[in-house]
Amino acid sequence: MFMGEYQHNVDAKGRLIVPAKFREDLGDVFVLTRGLDQCLFGYPMDEWKVIEEKIKSLPMTKKDARAFARFFFSGATECEIDKQGRINIPSTLRQYGKLEKECVVLGVSNRIEIWNKEIWENYFAESEESFAEIAENLIDFDL
């Protein structure tokens, strides 16, 4: 399980240090793709296979299902962690997430998320104001 928040910088070559606490659970190779809310999602291969099967089971006769599958899979790439604990983020994914320098790497249960620091801080501030309301709406899930 991934949890926690870490700050790292993307270097000029598009490399980012993966927090040491995440490396073992991600494995030597993992999948990085466009996420929601303008961040990147990173999945260990076993989790990626679960997500892949769920998306493949969506009805391709539905326009939204086709659009989501295209969005999600077209941005996906396999990442390898180098000996220094870094990954190389492709330019298309860096552009999508606006990853230019300061980044935040989050552990979110079965995945990691990589955010532009400023976008994350804005998102967090907006969500923090309604956190109690969000929690109240999820009460049916026994949280």
N, C-alpha and C. Protein backbone atom coordinates (compact mmCIF):
# COMPACT_ATOMS: atom_id res chain seq x y z
N MET A 1 0.84 -1.18 0.00
CA MET A 1 0.00 0.00 0.00
C MET A 1 0.88 1.24 0.00
N PHE A 2 0.52 2.19 -0.82
CA PHE A 2 1.27 3.44 -0.92
C PHE A 2 0.59 4.51 -0.08
N MET A 3 1.40 5.23 0.70
CA MET A 3 0.87 6.36 1.46
C MET A 3 2.00 7.34 1.75
N GLY A 4 1.62 8.59 1.94
CA GLY A 4 2.60 9.62 2.25
C GLY A 4 2.72 10.64 1.13
N GLU A 5 3.44 11.72 1.44
CA GLU A 5 3.64 12.83 0.51
C GLU A 5 5.12 13.21 0.54
N TYR A 6 5.72 13.30 -0.64
CA TYR A 6 7.15 13.59 -0.75
C TYR A 6 7.36 14.64 -1.83
N GLN A 7 8.36 15.49 -1.63
CA GLN A 7 8.66 16.53 -2.61
C GLN A 7 10.01 16.24 -3.26
N HIS A 8 10.00 16.27 -4.59
CA HIS A 8 11.22 16.07 -5.37
C HIS A 8 11.15 16.96 -6.60
N ASN A 9 12.28 17.15 -7.25
CA ASN A 9 12.34 17.97 -8.46
C ASN A 9 12.56 17.11 -9.69
N VAL A 10 11.95 17.53 -10.79
CA VAL A 10 12.23 16.94 -12.10
C VAL A 10 13.46 17.68 -12.63
N ASP A 11 14.47 16.94 -13.10
CA ASP A 11 15.66 17.60 -13.63
C ASP A 11 15.46 17.96 -15.10
N ALA A 12 16.44 18.58 -15.70
CA ALA A 12 16.35 19.06 -17.09
C ALA A 12 16.14 17.93 -18.09
N LYS A 13 16.52 16.71 -17.72
CA LYS A 13 16.35 15.55 -18.61
C LYS A 13 15.03 14.82 -18.37
N GLY A 14 14.19 15.34 -17.48
CA GLY A 14 12.90 14.72 -17.21
C GLY A 14 12.94 13.59 -16.20
N ARG A 15 14.02 13.56 -15.40
CA ARG A 15 14.14 12.49 -14.41
C ARG A 15 13.63 12.96 -13.05
N LEU A 16 12.99 12.05 -12.35
CA LEU A 16 12.42 12.33 -11.03
C LEU A 16 12.79 11.20 -10.09
N ILE A 17 13.20 11.55 -8.89
CA ILE A 17 13.50 10.53 -7.87
C ILE A 17 12.18 9.98 -7.34
N VAL A 18 12.08 8.66 -7.32
CA VAL A 18 10.93 7.98 -6.72
C VAL A 18 11.26 7.80 -5.24
N PRO A 19 10.37 8.22 -4.34
CA PRO A 19 10.65 8.05 -2.91
C PRO A 19 11.03 6.60 -2.59
N ALA A 20 12.04 6.44 -1.76
CA ALA A 20 12.55 5.11 -1.42
C ALA A 20 11.45 4.20 -0.88
N LYS A 21 10.52 4.75 -0.12
CA LYS A 21 9.44 3.94 0.45
C LYS A 21 8.52 3.36 -0.62
N PHE A 22 8.52 3.91 -1.82
CA PHE A 22 7.65 3.43 -2.89
C PHE A 22 8.34 2.45 -3.83
N ARG A 23 9.63 2.46 -3.87
CA ARG A 23 10.37 1.71 -4.90
C ARG A 23 10.10 0.21 -4.86
N GLU A 24 10.17 -0.38 -3.70
CA GLU A 24 10.00 -1.83 -3.61
C GLU A 24 8.61 -2.26 -4.06
N ASP A 25 7.58 -1.54 -3.61
CA ASP A 25 6.21 -1.90 -3.98
C ASP A 25 5.91 -1.63 -5.46
N LEU A 26 6.58 -0.64 -6.06
CA LEU A 26 6.39 -0.38 -7.49
C LEU A 26 7.06 -1.46 -8.33
N GLY A 27 8.15 -2.00 -7.84
CA GLY A 27 8.89 -3.00 -8.61
C GLY A 27 9.88 -2.34 -9.54
N ASP A 28 10.65 -3.15 -10.24
CA ASP A 28 11.66 -2.64 -11.16
C ASP A 28 11.04 -1.90 -12.34
N VAL A 29 9.88 -2.36 -12.77
CA VAL A 29 9.16 -1.75 -13.90
C VAL A 29 7.72 -1.54 -13.45
N PHE A 30 7.20 -0.35 -13.71
CA PHE A 30 5.81 -0.06 -13.40
C PHE A 30 5.23 0.80 -14.51
N VAL A 31 3.93 1.04 -14.47
CA VAL A 31 3.26 1.80 -15.52
C VAL A 31 2.92 3.20 -15.02
N LEU A 32 3.25 4.18 -15.83
CA LEU A 32 2.94 5.58 -15.55
C LEU A 32 2.01 6.07 -16.65
N THR A 33 0.94 6.77 -16.28
CA THR A 33 -0.02 7.25 -17.27
C THR A 33 -0.67 8.54 -16.80
N ARG A 34 -1.45 9.14 -17.70
CA ARG A 34 -2.21 10.32 -17.34
C ARG A 34 -3.22 9.93 -16.27
N GLY A 35 -3.29 10.75 -15.24
CA GLY A 35 -4.29 10.53 -14.21
C GLY A 35 -5.38 11.57 -14.30
N LEU A 36 -6.17 11.63 -13.29
CA LEU A 36 -7.24 12.61 -13.21
C LEU A 36 -6.73 13.84 -12.47
N ASP A 37 -7.40 14.94 -12.63
CA ASP A 37 -7.06 16.18 -11.93
C ASP A 37 -5.68 16.72 -12.31
N GLN A 38 -5.20 16.39 -13.49
CA GLN A 38 -3.94 16.89 -14.05
C GLN A 38 -2.69 16.35 -13.36
N CYS A 39 -2.79 15.15 -12.79
CA CYS A 39 -1.60 14.51 -12.22
C CYS A 39 -1.32 13.23 -13.01
N LEU A 40 -0.23 12.57 -12.68
CA LEU A 40 0.12 11.28 -13.29
C LEU A 40 -0.17 10.18 -12.29
N PHE A 41 -0.62 9.03 -12.78
CA PHE A 41 -0.83 7.85 -11.95
C PHE A 41 0.28 6.86 -12.26
N GLY A 42 0.82 6.23 -11.23
CA GLY A 42 1.81 5.17 -11.38
C GLY A 42 1.32 3.91 -10.70
N TYR A 43 1.28 2.80 -11.46
CA TYR A 43 0.76 1.53 -10.95
C TYR A 43 1.82 0.44 -11.02
N PRO A 44 1.97 -0.36 -9.95
CA PRO A 44 2.77 -1.58 -10.08
C PRO A 44 2.11 -2.47 -11.14
N MET A 45 2.87 -3.34 -11.75
CA MET A 45 2.35 -4.14 -12.87
C MET A 45 1.12 -4.96 -12.48
N ASP A 46 1.07 -5.53 -11.28
CA ASP A 46 -0.10 -6.33 -10.90
C ASP A 46 -1.35 -5.45 -10.78
N GLU A 47 -1.21 -4.26 -10.25
CA GLU A 47 -2.35 -3.33 -10.17
C GLU A 47 -2.75 -2.85 -11.56
N TRP A 48 -1.76 -2.62 -12.42
CA TRP A 48 -2.06 -2.18 -13.78
C TRP A 48 -2.91 -3.21 -14.51
N LYS A 49 -2.60 -4.48 -14.32
CA LYS A 49 -3.37 -5.54 -14.98
C LYS A 49 -4.83 -5.51 -14.51
N VAL A 50 -5.06 -5.24 -13.24
CA VAL A 50 -6.43 -5.14 -12.71
C VAL A 50 -7.17 -3.97 -13.36
N ILE A 51 -6.51 -2.80 -13.41
CA ILE A 51 -7.11 -1.61 -14.02
C ILE A 51 -7.37 -1.87 -15.50
N GLU A 52 -6.41 -2.47 -16.17
CA GLU A 52 -6.54 -2.76 -17.60
C GLU A 52 -7.77 -3.63 -17.86
N GLU A 53 -7.95 -4.67 -17.05
CA GLU A 53 -9.10 -5.56 -17.24
C GLU A 53 -10.42 -4.82 -17.01
N LYS A 54 -10.46 -3.94 -16.03
CA LYS A 54 -11.68 -3.18 -15.75
C LYS A 54 -12.02 -2.26 -16.93
N ILE A 55 -11.00 -1.61 -17.46
CA ILE A 55 -11.26 -0.70 -18.59
C ILE A 55 -11.64 -1.50 -19.84
N LYS A 56 -11.00 -2.64 -20.04
CA LYS A 56 -11.34 -3.47 -21.19
C LYS A 56 -12.76 -3.99 -21.12
N SER A 57 -13.31 -4.09 -19.91
CA SER A 57 -14.67 -4.61 -19.76
C SER A 57 -15.73 -3.53 -19.97
N LEU A 58 -15.31 -2.27 -20.10
CA LEU A 58 -16.28 -1.20 -20.36
C LEU A 58 -16.90 -1.40 -21.74
N PRO A 59 -18.15 -1.02 -21.91
CA PRO A 59 -18.80 -1.20 -23.21
C PRO A 59 -18.25 -0.21 -24.25
N MET A 60 -17.54 -0.71 -25.22
CA MET A 60 -16.91 0.14 -26.23
C MET A 60 -17.93 0.78 -27.17
N THR A 61 -19.20 0.40 -27.01
CA THR A 61 -20.26 1.06 -27.78
C THR A 61 -20.62 2.41 -27.16
N LYS A 62 -20.14 2.65 -25.94
CA LYS A 62 -20.39 3.93 -25.26
C LYS A 62 -19.25 4.90 -25.55
N LYS A 63 -19.61 6.08 -25.99
CA LYS A 63 -18.63 7.10 -26.37
C LYS A 63 -17.68 7.44 -25.21
N ASP A 64 -18.22 7.60 -23.99
CA ASP A 64 -17.39 7.94 -22.83
C ASP A 64 -16.39 6.84 -22.50
N ALA A 65 -16.80 5.60 -22.66
CA ALA A 65 -15.89 4.47 -22.40
C ALA A 65 -14.73 4.48 -23.39
N ARG A 66 -15.03 4.72 -24.66
CA ARG A 66 -13.98 4.78 -25.68
C ARG A 66 -13.04 5.95 -25.40
N ALA A 67 -13.60 7.09 -25.06
CA ALA A 67 -12.78 8.28 -24.80
C ALA A 67 -11.87 8.06 -23.59
N PHE A 68 -12.41 7.48 -22.53
CA PHE A 68 -11.59 7.24 -21.33
C PHE A 68 -10.48 6.25 -21.63
N ALA A 69 -10.80 5.16 -22.33
CA ALA A 69 -9.78 4.16 -22.66
C ALA A 69 -8.66 4.79 -23.50
N ARG A 70 -9.03 5.60 -24.47
CA ARG A 70 -8.01 6.26 -25.30
C ARG A 70 -7.13 7.16 -24.46
N PHE A 71 -7.75 7.98 -23.63
CA PHE A 71 -7.03 8.92 -22.77
C PHE A 71 -6.06 8.18 -21.86
N PHE A 72 -6.55 7.14 -21.22
CA PHE A 72 -5.78 6.42 -20.21
C PHE A 72 -4.64 5.60 -20.81
N PHE A 73 -4.96 4.83 -21.86
CA PHE A 73 -3.96 3.93 -22.44
C PHE A 73 -2.96 4.64 -23.35
N SER A 74 -3.40 5.68 -24.05
CA SER A 74 -2.47 6.35 -24.98
C SER A 74 -1.34 7.05 -24.24
N GLY A 75 -1.57 7.43 -23.00
CA GLY A 75 -0.53 8.08 -22.21
C GLY A 75 0.33 7.12 -21.42
N ALA A 76 -0.03 5.85 -21.41
CA ALA A 76 0.67 4.87 -20.57
C ALA A 76 2.04 4.51 -21.11
N THR A 77 2.98 4.36 -20.18
CA THR A 77 4.33 3.95 -20.54
C THR A 77 4.93 3.14 -19.39
N GLU A 78 5.78 2.20 -19.73
CA GLU A 78 6.49 1.46 -18.69
C GLU A 78 7.69 2.26 -18.25
N CYS A 79 7.87 2.36 -16.94
CA CYS A 79 9.01 3.09 -16.37
C CYS A 79 9.90 2.13 -15.60
N GLU A 80 11.19 2.33 -15.75
CA GLU A 80 12.17 1.58 -14.97
C GLU A 80 12.85 2.52 -14.00
N ILE A 81 13.05 2.05 -12.79
CA ILE A 81 13.76 2.85 -11.79
C ILE A 81 15.25 2.56 -11.94
N ASP A 82 16.04 3.63 -12.13
CA ASP A 82 17.48 3.44 -12.32
C ASP A 82 18.19 3.24 -10.98
N LYS A 83 19.50 3.07 -11.02
CA LYS A 83 20.29 2.79 -9.81
C LYS A 83 20.26 3.93 -8.80
N GLN A 84 19.95 5.14 -9.26
CA GLN A 84 19.85 6.30 -8.36
C GLN A 84 18.42 6.50 -7.85
N GLY A 85 17.51 5.58 -8.21
CA GLY A 85 16.13 5.67 -7.75
C GLY A 85 15.27 6.63 -8.55
N ARG A 86 15.69 6.91 -9.79
CA ARG A 86 14.97 7.87 -10.63
C ARG A 86 14.22 7.16 -11.75
N ILE A 87 13.18 7.85 -12.24
CA ILE A 87 12.51 7.44 -13.46
C ILE A 87 12.64 8.56 -14.47
N ASN A 88 12.53 8.23 -15.74
CA ASN A 88 12.52 9.23 -16.79
C ASN A 88 11.07 9.39 -17.25
N ILE A 89 10.50 10.56 -17.02
CA ILE A 89 9.11 10.81 -17.39
C ILE A 89 9.09 11.35 -18.82
N PRO A 90 8.36 10.67 -19.72
CA PRO A 90 8.30 11.15 -21.11
C PRO A 90 7.75 12.57 -21.19
N SER A 91 8.19 13.29 -22.21
CA SER A 91 7.81 14.70 -22.34
C SER A 91 6.29 14.89 -22.44
N THR A 92 5.58 13.97 -23.09
CA THR A 92 4.13 14.11 -23.21
C THR A 92 3.46 14.08 -21.84
N LEU A 93 3.95 13.21 -20.96
CA LEU A 93 3.38 13.15 -19.61
C LEU A 93 3.81 14.35 -18.77
N ARG A 94 5.04 14.80 -18.96
CA ARG A 94 5.47 16.02 -18.24
C ARG A 94 4.62 17.21 -18.64
N GLN A 95 4.32 17.31 -19.94
CA GLN A 95 3.48 18.42 -20.42
C GLN A 95 2.07 18.32 -19.85
N TYR A 96 1.49 17.12 -19.85
CA TYR A 96 0.14 16.93 -19.33
C TYR A 96 0.07 17.37 -17.85
N GLY A 97 1.04 16.94 -17.05
CA GLY A 97 1.04 17.25 -15.63
C GLY A 97 1.69 18.58 -15.27
N LYS A 98 2.17 19.30 -16.29
CA LYS A 98 2.90 20.56 -16.08
C LYS A 98 4.05 20.37 -15.08
N LEU A 99 4.78 19.28 -15.28
CA LEU A 99 5.91 18.95 -14.40
C LEU A 99 7.16 19.60 -14.95
N GLU A 100 7.52 20.75 -14.39
CA GLU A 100 8.67 21.50 -14.88
C GLU A 100 9.82 21.50 -13.88
N LYS A 101 9.53 21.55 -12.61
CA LYS A 101 10.59 21.57 -11.60
C LYS A 101 10.10 20.88 -10.33
N GLU A 102 9.42 21.64 -9.47
CA GLU A 102 9.00 21.11 -8.18
C GLU A 102 7.78 20.20 -8.33
N CYS A 103 7.89 19.01 -7.76
CA CYS A 103 6.82 18.01 -7.84
C CYS A 103 6.50 17.47 -6.45
N VAL A 104 5.31 16.93 -6.35
CA VAL A 104 4.89 16.22 -5.15
C VAL A 104 4.53 14.80 -5.58
N VAL A 105 5.07 13.81 -4.87
CA VAL A 105 4.78 12.41 -5.15
C VAL A 105 3.96 11.88 -3.97
N LEU A 106 2.76 11.42 -4.28
CA LEU A 106 1.84 10.95 -3.25
C LEU A 106 1.67 9.44 -3.33
N GLY A 107 1.47 8.84 -2.18
CA GLY A 107 1.04 7.45 -2.12
C GLY A 107 -0.46 7.45 -1.90
N VAL A 108 -1.20 6.79 -2.80
CA VAL A 108 -2.66 6.78 -2.73
C VAL A 108 -3.14 5.33 -2.85
N SER A 109 -2.96 4.58 -1.79
CA SER A 109 -3.41 3.19 -1.69
C SER A 109 -2.72 2.28 -2.70
N ASN A 110 -3.35 2.05 -3.87
CA ASN A 110 -2.80 1.10 -4.84
C ASN A 110 -1.95 1.75 -5.92
N ARG A 111 -1.72 3.07 -5.83
CA ARG A 111 -0.96 3.77 -6.87
C ARG A 111 -0.19 4.93 -6.25
N ILE A 112 0.72 5.47 -7.06
CA ILE A 112 1.34 6.74 -6.69
C ILE A 112 0.77 7.80 -7.63
N GLU A 113 0.84 9.04 -7.20
CA GLU A 113 0.46 10.16 -8.04
C GLU A 113 1.61 11.15 -8.06
N ILE A 114 1.86 11.74 -9.22
CA ILE A 114 2.91 12.75 -9.37
C ILE A 114 2.23 14.04 -9.80
N TRP A 115 2.43 15.09 -9.01
CA TRP A 115 1.77 16.38 -9.21
C TRP A 115 2.79 17.49 -9.37
N ASN A 116 2.44 18.48 -10.16
CA ASN A 116 3.12 19.77 -10.12
C ASN A 116 2.83 20.33 -8.73
N LYS A 117 3.85 20.82 -8.03
CA LYS A 117 3.68 21.25 -6.64
C LYS A 117 2.61 22.32 -6.48
N GLU A 118 2.60 23.31 -7.35
CA GLU A 118 1.63 24.40 -7.24
C GLU A 118 0.20 23.90 -7.49
N ILE A 119 0.03 23.04 -8.48
CA ILE A 119 -1.30 22.48 -8.76
C ILE A 119 -1.77 21.66 -7.57
N TRP A 120 -0.87 20.85 -6.98
CA TRP A 120 -1.23 20.05 -5.81
C TRP A 120 -1.65 20.95 -4.64
N GLU A 121 -0.88 21.98 -4.38
CA GLU A 121 -1.20 22.86 -3.25
C GLU A 121 -2.56 23.53 -3.45
N ASN A 122 -2.86 23.96 -4.67
CA ASN A 122 -4.17 24.56 -4.95
C ASN A 122 -5.29 23.54 -4.80
N TYR A 123 -5.08 22.35 -5.34
CA TYR A 123 -6.07 21.28 -5.24
C TYR A 123 -6.33 20.95 -3.77
N PHE A 124 -5.26 20.80 -3.01
CA PHE A 124 -5.38 20.44 -1.59
C PHE A 124 -6.12 21.52 -0.81
N ALA A 125 -5.78 22.78 -1.06
CA ALA A 125 -6.44 23.88 -0.36
C ALA A 125 -7.93 23.90 -0.66
N GLU A 126 -8.30 23.72 -1.93
CA GLU A 126 -9.72 23.70 -2.30
C GLU A 126 -10.44 22.51 -1.69
N SER A 127 -9.81 21.34 -1.70
CA SER A 127 -10.42 20.12 -1.18
C SER A 127 -10.49 20.14 0.34
N GLU A 128 -9.50 20.76 0.97
CA GLU A 128 -9.45 20.79 2.43
C GLU A 128 -10.68 21.50 3.00
N GLU A 129 -11.13 22.54 2.31
CA GLU A 129 -12.29 23.29 2.76
C GLU A 129 -13.55 22.43 2.80
N SER A 130 -13.64 21.46 1.90
CA SER A 130 -14.84 20.63 1.83
C SER A 130 -14.59 19.19 2.29
N PHE A 131 -13.47 18.95 2.98
CA PHE A 131 -13.11 17.59 3.40
C PHE A 131 -14.20 16.96 4.27
N ALA A 132 -14.73 17.71 5.24
CA ALA A 132 -15.76 17.17 6.12
C ALA A 132 -17.01 16.80 5.33
N GLU A 133 -17.38 17.64 4.37
CA GLU A 133 -18.55 17.36 3.53
C GLU A 133 -18.32 16.12 2.67
N ILE A 134 -17.11 16.02 2.10
CA ILE A 134 -16.77 14.84 1.29
C ILE A 134 -16.85 13.58 2.14
N ALA A 135 -16.28 13.64 3.35
CA ALA A 135 -16.31 12.48 4.25
C ALA A 135 -17.75 12.11 4.60
N GLU A 136 -18.57 13.12 4.85
CA GLU A 136 -19.98 12.87 5.18
C GLU A 136 -20.69 12.17 4.03
N ASN A 137 -20.39 12.55 2.80
CA ASN A 137 -21.01 11.92 1.63
C ASN A 137 -20.55 10.48 1.45
N LEU A 138 -19.39 10.13 1.99
CA LEU A 138 -18.86 8.77 1.85
C LEU A 138 -19.17 7.89 3.05
N ILE A 139 -19.92 8.41 4.00
CA ILE A 139 -20.20 7.68 5.23
C ILE A 139 -20.84 6.31 4.96
N ASP A 140 -21.56 6.19 3.88
CA ASP A 140 -22.19 4.92 3.52
C ASP A 140 -21.17 3.83 3.22
N PHE A 141 -19.93 4.22 2.98
CA PHE A 141 -18.88 3.24 2.69
C PHE A 141 -18.13 2.80 3.94
N ASP A 142 -18.69 3.09 5.11
CA ASP A 142 -18.12 2.70 6.41
C ASP A 142 -16.71 3.24 6.62
N LEU A 143 -16.47 4.48 6.19
CA LEU A 143 -15.20 5.11 6.46
C LEU A 143 -15.26 5.75 7.81
